[in-house]
Protein backbone atom coordinates (compact mmCIF):
# COMPACT_ATOMS: atom_id res chain seq x y z
CA ASP A 1 109.25 116.49 101.10
CA SER A 2 105.83 116.02 99.57
CA TYR A 3 103.72 115.30 96.52
CA LYS A 4 105.07 118.77 95.05
CA GLU A 5 107.69 116.85 92.60
CA TYR A 6 105.15 114.51 91.44
CA PHE A 7 102.26 116.96 90.64
CA GLY A 8 104.62 119.16 88.69
CA LYS A 9 105.61 116.54 86.61
CA VAL A 10 102.26 115.20 86.07
CA VAL A 11 100.73 118.92 85.34
CA SER A 12 103.79 119.68 83.04
CA ASN A 13 103.06 116.41 80.94
CA VAL A 14 99.47 116.33 80.84
CA THR A 15 99.28 115.82 76.92
CA GLY A 16 100.87 112.17 77.52
CA PHE A 17 102.88 109.87 79.71
CA ASP A 18 104.53 107.85 76.99
CA THR A 19 107.06 110.34 75.71
CA THR A 20 110.69 110.56 76.51
CA LEU A 21 112.16 113.02 78.99
CA ASP A 22 116.22 112.92 79.82
CA ASN A 23 116.72 109.27 78.54
CA THR A 24 113.66 107.81 80.54
CA THR A 25 109.92 107.61 79.91
CA VAL A 26 107.76 110.34 81.56
CA ILE A 27 105.63 107.49 82.98
CA GLU A 28 108.74 106.06 84.70
CA SER A 29 109.70 109.46 86.05
CA ILE A 30 106.09 110.13 87.12
CA PHE A 31 106.09 106.66 89.02
CA LEU A 32 109.38 107.26 90.59
CA SER A 33 108.06 110.79 91.99
CA PHE A 34 104.82 109.26 93.31
CA ASN A 35 106.81 106.45 95.15
CA LYS A 36 109.04 108.43 96.88
CA TYR A 37 106.59 109.91 99.34
CA ARG A 38 103.24 108.41 100.97
CA ILE A 39 100.68 109.71 103.54
CA LEU A 40 99.58 106.97 105.95
CA SER A 41 96.42 107.19 108.28
CA PRO A 42 95.39 104.60 110.86
CA ILE A 43 91.90 105.63 110.13
CA TYR A 44 89.70 106.15 107.06
CA LYS A 45 86.96 108.92 108.63
CA GLY A 46 87.76 112.13 109.68
CA VAL A 47 89.68 115.00 108.79
CA LEU A 48 92.94 113.08 108.92
CA GLY A 49 91.43 110.01 107.58
CA VAL A 50 92.46 108.08 104.58
CA ASP A 51 89.46 109.03 102.64
CA ASN A 52 89.45 112.92 103.37
CA LEU A 53 93.10 113.32 102.85
CA ASN A 54 92.72 111.64 99.17
CA SER A 55 89.70 113.87 98.32
CA VAL A 56 91.85 116.92 99.38
CA LEU A 57 95.16 115.69 97.35
CA SER A 58 92.54 114.55 94.34
CA ASN A 59 90.91 117.78 94.24
CA PHE A 60 94.06 119.78 94.32
CA LEU A 61 95.74 117.84 91.66
CA PHE A 62 92.21 117.97 89.64
CA ASN A 63 92.31 121.82 89.85
CA LYS A 64 95.89 122.20 88.57
CA ILE A 65 95.19 119.82 85.59
CA LYS A 66 92.07 122.06 84.77
CA THR A 67 94.51 124.98 84.12
CA LYS A 68 95.97 122.74 81.45
CA THR A 69 93.38 121.24 79.42
CA HIS A 70 93.46 124.09 76.81
CA GLU A 71 96.95 122.14 75.63
CA LEU A 72 94.54 118.89 74.86
CA PRO A 73 92.82 118.20 71.69
CA PRO A 74 88.86 118.61 72.33
CA ARG A 75 88.34 115.12 72.59
CA GLN A 76 90.62 114.78 75.54
CA GLN A 77 89.25 117.51 77.47
CA GLU A 78 85.92 116.04 77.05
CA LEU A 79 87.35 112.95 78.95
CA ILE A 80 88.63 114.65 82.02
CA SER A 81 86.43 114.84 84.80
CA ASN A 82 87.22 114.69 88.72
CA SER A 83 86.59 110.76 88.61
CA TRP A 84 89.25 110.54 85.99
CA PHE A 85 91.92 112.87 85.15
CA PRO A 86 95.90 112.68 84.19
CA GLY A 87 97.77 111.85 87.46
CA LEU A 88 94.99 110.51 89.54
CA ALA A 89 96.60 107.81 91.62
CA ILE A 90 94.58 104.80 92.49
CA MET A 91 95.33 101.55 94.25
CA ILE A 92 93.61 98.04 92.78
CA THR A 93 91.51 96.50 95.35
CA ASN A 94 90.94 93.17 93.74
CA ASN A 95 92.78 90.66 91.95
CA ASP A 96 91.66 90.23 88.37
CA ARG A 97 93.70 88.15 85.98
CA THR A 98 91.81 89.21 82.65
CA ILE A 99 93.14 92.69 82.83
CA GLY A 100 96.51 93.58 81.37
CA LYS A 101 99.30 91.55 80.41
CA LYS A 102 99.31 89.06 83.52
CA GLY A 103 96.29 90.54 85.47
CA VAL A 104 96.28 93.18 88.09
CA ASN A 105 96.69 92.33 91.78
CA ASN A 106 95.18 93.68 94.70
CA GLY A 107 97.71 96.66 96.02
CA ASP A 108 99.09 97.59 92.54
CA ILE A 109 99.32 101.19 91.89
CA GLY A 110 98.09 102.94 88.67
CA ILE A 111 98.54 106.31 87.61
CA CYS A 112 95.71 107.67 85.17
CA GLY A 113 97.01 109.42 82.04
CA PHE A 114 96.83 109.55 78.45
CA ASP A 115 98.54 107.08 76.23
CA SER A 116 99.53 108.26 72.64
CA ARG A 117 98.65 104.73 71.16
CA TYR A 118 94.99 105.16 72.35
CA PRO A 119 94.55 109.11 72.37
CA ASN A 120 90.84 109.26 73.08
CA MET A 121 90.72 106.87 75.99
CA GLN A 122 91.10 107.08 79.82
CA ARG A 123 93.92 104.91 80.63
CA VAL A 124 95.76 103.64 83.54
CA TRP A 125 99.34 103.10 83.78
CA LEU A 126 100.71 100.29 85.68
CA GLN A 127 104.21 98.94 86.50
CA ASP A 128 104.77 95.23 85.20
CA GLU A 129 107.05 92.79 87.08
CA ASP A 130 110.07 93.60 84.70
CA GLY A 131 109.94 97.32 85.69
CA GLY A 132 108.22 98.48 82.40
CA TYR A 133 105.05 100.44 81.98
CA TYR A 134 101.87 99.58 80.42
CA SER A 135 98.31 100.84 80.29
CA ILE A 136 94.89 99.58 80.25
CA PRO A 137 91.55 101.01 79.89
CA PHE A 138 90.37 102.83 82.96
CA THR A 139 86.88 101.80 82.27
CA ILE A 140 87.49 98.01 83.06
CA LEU A 141 88.80 98.65 86.48
CA ASN A 142 85.85 97.88 88.95
CA GLU A 143 87.46 97.89 92.08
CA TYR A 144 90.01 100.62 93.25
CA ASP A 145 90.81 103.36 95.90
CA LEU A 146 92.40 106.58 95.62
CA ALA A 147 96.26 106.18 96.44
CA PHE A 148 97.61 109.40 97.42
CA ALA A 149 96.86 108.69 101.14
CA MET A 150 96.43 104.94 102.46
CA SER A 151 96.08 103.12 105.56
CA ILE A 152 98.98 102.04 107.40
CA HIS A 153 97.60 98.38 106.95
CA LYS A 154 97.55 98.73 103.21
CA SER A 155 101.00 100.24 103.22
CA GLN A 156 102.37 96.96 104.75
CA GLY A 157 105.13 95.45 102.45
CA SER A 158 105.98 98.86 100.74
CA GLU A 159 109.03 101.08 100.99
CA TYR A 160 109.01 105.01 100.48
CA ASP A 161 111.99 107.48 100.71
CA LYS A 162 109.79 109.81 102.83
CA VAL A 163 106.17 109.12 104.87
CA LEU A 164 103.71 111.60 106.77
CA VAL A 165 101.97 109.27 109.28
CA PHE A 166 98.92 110.81 111.06
CA GLU A 167 97.79 109.53 114.44
CA GLU A 168 94.40 109.02 115.76
């Protein structure tokens, strides 16, 4: 098991995450796929460190997304870069009560993607306390890390179907 299912869903739905797929929203399906699996490392630096693992996975998905940008309107094509693209997974690293419906919290996971209500904006999708999903402008987030791989410390309290743990 890996992020293969997640990457596949993101790439096949690059034009928008707020559509319906098999009686569920695409964003819900994407979150469910993402949360099935996590890569954990006790270190940040080095080949098997969180920073490098996130960079490798982010670049892999970015290159897949680039093959689908022709399906997007020109303005959305311009919004895609290696620092924001549909499917980029982030973890909020600071509480901010001024963002979103009830604020964002340290440890919240967000997934970048387009929202048809705001078609020409870089957005981040979050899950609320009631299990619903909403998007916020990516540009208002100041403190976040990539979330494909995370430290063992940051994963505490989370549950995943499968994990891959690297040792020092």
